[in-house]
Each structure stands twice: as C-alpha cells, then as structure tokens.
Amino acid sequence: MSMKNWMDKHYPEPNIYRWIGLGLEVISATVLFLLMVLTSLDVAGRYLFNNSVNGAFELTQMGLAIIVFAQMPLITWRGSHVVVDLLDHILGNRIVKVLGIFSVFIVSSSFYFLALRIYELAERSLRREEVTEYLQIPTGYLTEYIAIMSWVTAACMLTYGAYRVVKGNNVSQQFGE
C-alpha cells in the first residue's frame, strides 16, 4: 500500500487537518510508547533491583495529560464523542443540522474560554516558579500546552467541525466505529 493510499484511508480529513491529525497522533503514540517503557523499567527495577524509577508517577501524570490533550482536537472534529441520537429520525435532517451547528458553537466557545482561564493559571504558575513535588519540573509549561491544545480544539471545531456538520459526513462513521 502506498503512503498516499494509507493516508487517504486513515486520515480522510481535507488539507491541513490531515497533517495536524497525523502530527497529533504521532505525539500521542510516542508519549504512549515512552510511558510503556517507563512502566516496564519501573516494574523491572522494583522487582529485580529493589529500586523503582524516581518520579515515575509524576512522569506518568504528565504523559497522560499530553496524550489526552493531543487527542482532543481529533476526537472533537471527527465527532467521536459519545452521542445519543434517539430523536434524530423524529426531528428530521434540517433540525439535526441546526442543532449540530449550535453544538459546534457551544463546544468551540467553551474550549476557547476554558483555554483563556487555563492560560492565566499557567502564567501564574510560571511567575511563582511552581514545580512538581519530586522531580522539580516546572508545571506552567504543561499547563500552557493544555491551554494551547484547547485553543486548537476550538479552532478545529469551528472550521472542520462545522464543515463536517453542514456536509453531513461523520468521519467516525467512515472508520466503521
């Protein structure tokens, strides 16, 4: 299978969204692999050498935050959230699309304003030089990452999320989920 066919199959989004999706999934996969290695080393160290990896818990927490917030834009624009569509066939296609556009604006504005507050907390954390308890890693940078990814989610929802609702093609249905 050629690279183009593979990309078309796994990333049906148009233009830049395809590359954003690929980049975010590479970040998530890399961090997940590193968490797997960290956990293996921690367990092996604990049982074989009677000494675990220092700060493994803090690194795991940070890794999970990176994975979750890297996947948020993808899940949001693909419409992969849990959706209850009990009334869709009763309301009709036009009303469902209006409700979909309404939800796009609600979700994107929620992410935008949430990111503003998170970014304020990140700035405060950096000013106060707050660090993690054991490894002394500054927490403000991870908090800034969370805010930035929330803004990316809001922007992607307003653009491609709205496009997907108007066109009526749900990407998660294309994946067979």
Protein backbone atom coordinates (compact mmCIF):
# COMPACT_ATOMS: atom_id res chain seq x y z
CA MET A 1 0.00 0.00 0.00
CA SER A 2 1.42 3.36 -0.98
CA MET A 3 1.81 6.19 1.51
CA LYS A 4 -0.88 8.22 -0.28
CA ASN A 5 -3.39 5.36 -0.09
CA TRP A 6 -2.55 4.79 3.58
CA MET A 7 -3.02 8.50 4.36
CA ASP A 8 -6.32 8.59 2.44
CA LYS A 9 -7.58 5.55 4.34
CA HIS A 10 -6.54 6.61 7.86
CA TYR A 11 -6.83 10.41 7.54
CA PRO A 12 -9.89 11.30 5.45
CA GLU A 13 -9.81 14.93 6.62
CA PRO A 14 -9.02 17.54 3.95
CA ASN A 15 -5.82 19.56 3.53
CA ILE A 16 -4.05 20.78 6.68
CA TYR A 17 -6.35 18.84 9.03
CA ARG A 18 -4.87 15.61 7.72
CA TRP A 19 -1.38 16.71 8.72
CA ILE A 20 -2.50 18.14 12.05
CA GLY A 21 -4.16 14.80 12.79
CA LEU A 22 -1.08 12.84 11.81
CA GLY A 23 1.17 15.08 13.92
CA LEU A 24 -1.07 14.84 16.97
CA GLU A 25 -1.30 11.07 16.67
CA VAL A 26 2.50 10.81 16.33
CA ILE A 27 2.85 12.84 19.54
CA SER A 28 0.32 10.63 21.33
CA ALA A 29 1.86 7.39 20.08
CA THR A 30 5.38 8.49 21.03
CA VAL A 31 4.35 9.51 24.54
CA LEU A 32 2.35 6.30 24.96
CA PHE A 33 5.40 4.27 23.91
CA LEU A 34 7.59 6.20 26.36
CA LEU A 35 5.04 5.59 29.14
CA MET A 36 5.13 1.88 28.32
CA VAL A 37 8.95 1.87 28.54
CA LEU A 38 8.85 3.87 31.78
CA THR A 39 6.34 1.49 33.35
CA SER A 40 8.36 -1.55 32.26
CA LEU A 41 11.57 -0.09 33.67
CA ASP A 42 9.82 0.91 36.88
CA VAL A 43 8.36 -2.56 37.43
CA ALA A 44 11.60 -4.32 36.44
CA GLY A 45 13.62 -2.03 38.69
CA ARG A 46 11.28 -2.57 41.60
CA TYR A 47 11.32 -6.37 41.38
CA LEU A 48 14.82 -7.08 40.07
CA PHE A 49 16.89 -4.35 41.74
CA ASN A 50 14.62 -3.39 44.64
CA ASN A 51 14.65 0.21 43.38
CA SER A 52 11.99 1.90 41.24
CA VAL A 53 12.39 4.78 38.79
CA ASN A 54 12.43 8.07 40.65
CA GLY A 55 9.49 10.30 39.69
CA ALA A 56 7.70 7.66 37.59
CA PHE A 57 4.34 8.75 38.98
CA GLU A 58 4.90 12.41 38.05
CA LEU A 59 6.14 11.49 34.57
CA THR A 60 3.10 9.24 34.07
CA GLN A 61 0.74 12.06 35.06
CA MET A 62 2.42 14.43 32.59
CA GLY A 63 2.42 11.84 29.84
CA LEU A 64 -1.28 11.18 30.26
CA ALA A 65 -2.03 14.91 30.10
CA ILE A 66 -0.02 15.17 26.87
CA ILE A 67 -1.86 12.21 25.31
CA VAL A 68 -5.34 13.36 26.32
CA PHE A 69 -4.91 16.92 25.12
CA ALA A 70 -3.19 15.86 21.88
CA GLN A 71 -6.19 13.67 21.05
CA MET A 72 -8.84 16.24 21.97
CA PRO A 73 -8.87 18.08 18.61
CA LEU A 74 -9.10 14.79 16.71
CA ILE A 75 -11.95 13.40 18.77
CA THR A 76 -13.81 16.69 18.60
CA TRP A 77 -13.61 17.34 14.87
CA ARG A 78 -14.26 13.71 13.94
CA GLY A 79 -17.39 13.70 16.09
CA SER A 80 -16.13 10.67 18.01
CA HIS A 81 -17.69 11.69 21.32
CA VAL A 82 -20.46 9.61 22.76
CA VAL A 83 -23.61 10.81 21.02
CA VAL A 84 -27.19 9.94 21.85
CA ASP A 85 -29.26 10.23 18.69
CA LEU A 86 -32.61 8.91 19.90
CA LEU A 87 -34.59 11.78 18.41
CA ASP A 88 -32.64 12.32 15.17
CA HIS A 89 -35.03 10.33 12.99
CA ILE A 90 -38.02 12.12 14.56
CA LEU A 91 -36.65 15.68 14.31
CA GLY A 92 -35.52 15.45 10.71
CA ASN A 93 -32.26 16.24 8.95
CA ARG A 94 -32.61 20.04 8.91
CA ILE A 95 -33.23 20.37 12.66
CA VAL A 96 -30.43 17.92 13.43
CA LYS A 97 -28.03 20.05 11.34
CA VAL A 98 -29.15 23.24 13.13
CA LEU A 99 -28.61 21.54 16.49
CA GLY A 100 -25.23 20.31 15.23
CA ILE A 101 -24.12 23.82 14.27
CA PHE A 102 -25.38 25.09 17.62
CA SER A 103 -23.31 22.44 19.40
CA VAL A 104 -20.24 23.40 17.31
CA PHE A 105 -20.50 26.98 18.57
CA ILE A 106 -21.13 25.88 22.16
CA VAL A 107 -18.21 23.43 22.18
CA SER A 108 -15.77 25.78 20.45
CA SER A 109 -16.63 28.76 22.65
CA SER A 110 -16.41 26.58 25.75
CA PHE A 111 -12.95 25.40 24.78
CA TYR A 112 -11.88 28.95 23.95
CA PHE A 113 -12.92 30.45 27.28
CA LEU A 114 -11.65 27.45 29.22
CA ALA A 115 -8.28 27.83 27.49
CA LEU A 116 -8.15 31.51 28.46
CA ARG A 117 -8.53 30.61 32.12
CA ILE A 118 -6.06 27.73 31.89
CA TYR A 119 -3.50 30.01 30.24
CA GLU A 120 -3.90 32.55 33.06
CA LEU A 121 -3.22 29.77 35.56
CA ALA A 122 -0.16 28.71 33.54
CA GLU A 123 1.24 32.24 33.58
CA ARG A 124 0.69 32.43 37.33
CA SER A 125 2.37 29.08 37.79
CA LEU A 126 5.41 30.22 35.79
CA ARG A 127 5.60 33.53 37.70
CA ARG A 128 5.54 31.69 41.01
CA GLU A 129 8.02 29.12 39.67
CA GLU A 130 5.81 26.21 40.74
CA VAL A 131 7.39 22.81 40.20
CA THR A 132 6.41 19.19 40.67
CA GLU A 133 7.00 17.76 44.10
CA TYR A 134 9.64 15.13 43.40
CA LEU A 135 11.39 15.91 40.10
CA GLN A 136 11.11 19.71 40.38
CA ILE A 137 9.77 20.06 36.81
CA PRO A 138 8.04 23.42 36.14
CA THR A 139 4.29 22.82 35.88
CA GLY A 140 3.48 26.00 33.96
CA TYR A 141 4.73 24.68 30.63
CA LEU A 142 2.43 21.66 30.72
CA THR A 143 -0.45 23.92 31.71
CA GLU A 144 0.36 26.20 28.74
CA TYR A 145 0.33 23.13 26.49
CA ILE A 146 -3.14 22.24 27.79
CA ALA A 147 -4.38 25.77 27.05
CA ILE A 148 -2.88 25.78 23.55
CA MET A 149 -4.39 22.40 22.71
CA SER A 150 -7.75 23.65 23.96
CA TRP A 151 -7.45 26.61 21.56
CA VAL A 152 -6.51 24.23 18.73
CA THR A 153 -9.59 22.17 19.57
CA ALA A 154 -11.78 25.27 19.49
CA ALA A 155 -10.35 26.38 16.13
CA CYS A 156 -10.67 22.94 14.58
CA MET A 157 -14.22 22.61 15.82
CA LEU A 158 -15.20 25.98 14.34
CA THR A 159 -13.67 25.17 10.97
CA TYR A 160 -13.69 21.49 10.12
CA GLY A 161 -16.26 20.53 12.77
CA ALA A 162 -18.77 22.98 11.31
CA TYR A 163 -17.89 21.83 7.77
CA ARG A 164 -18.50 18.21 8.77
CA VAL A 165 -21.91 19.06 10.28
CA VAL A 166 -23.01 21.05 7.23
CA LYS A 167 -21.80 18.40 4.76
CA GLY A 168 -23.37 15.65 6.87
CA ASN A 169 -20.39 13.30 6.72
CA ASN A 170 -19.22 11.98 10.07
CA VAL A 171 -15.61 10.88 9.85
CA SER A 172 -16.01 8.32 12.66
CA GLN A 173 -18.64 6.56 10.54
CA GLN A 174 -16.07 6.28 7.75
CA PHE A 175 -13.76 4.44 10.13
CA GLY A 176 -16.53 1.93 10.89
CA GLU A 177 -16.83 2.84 14.56
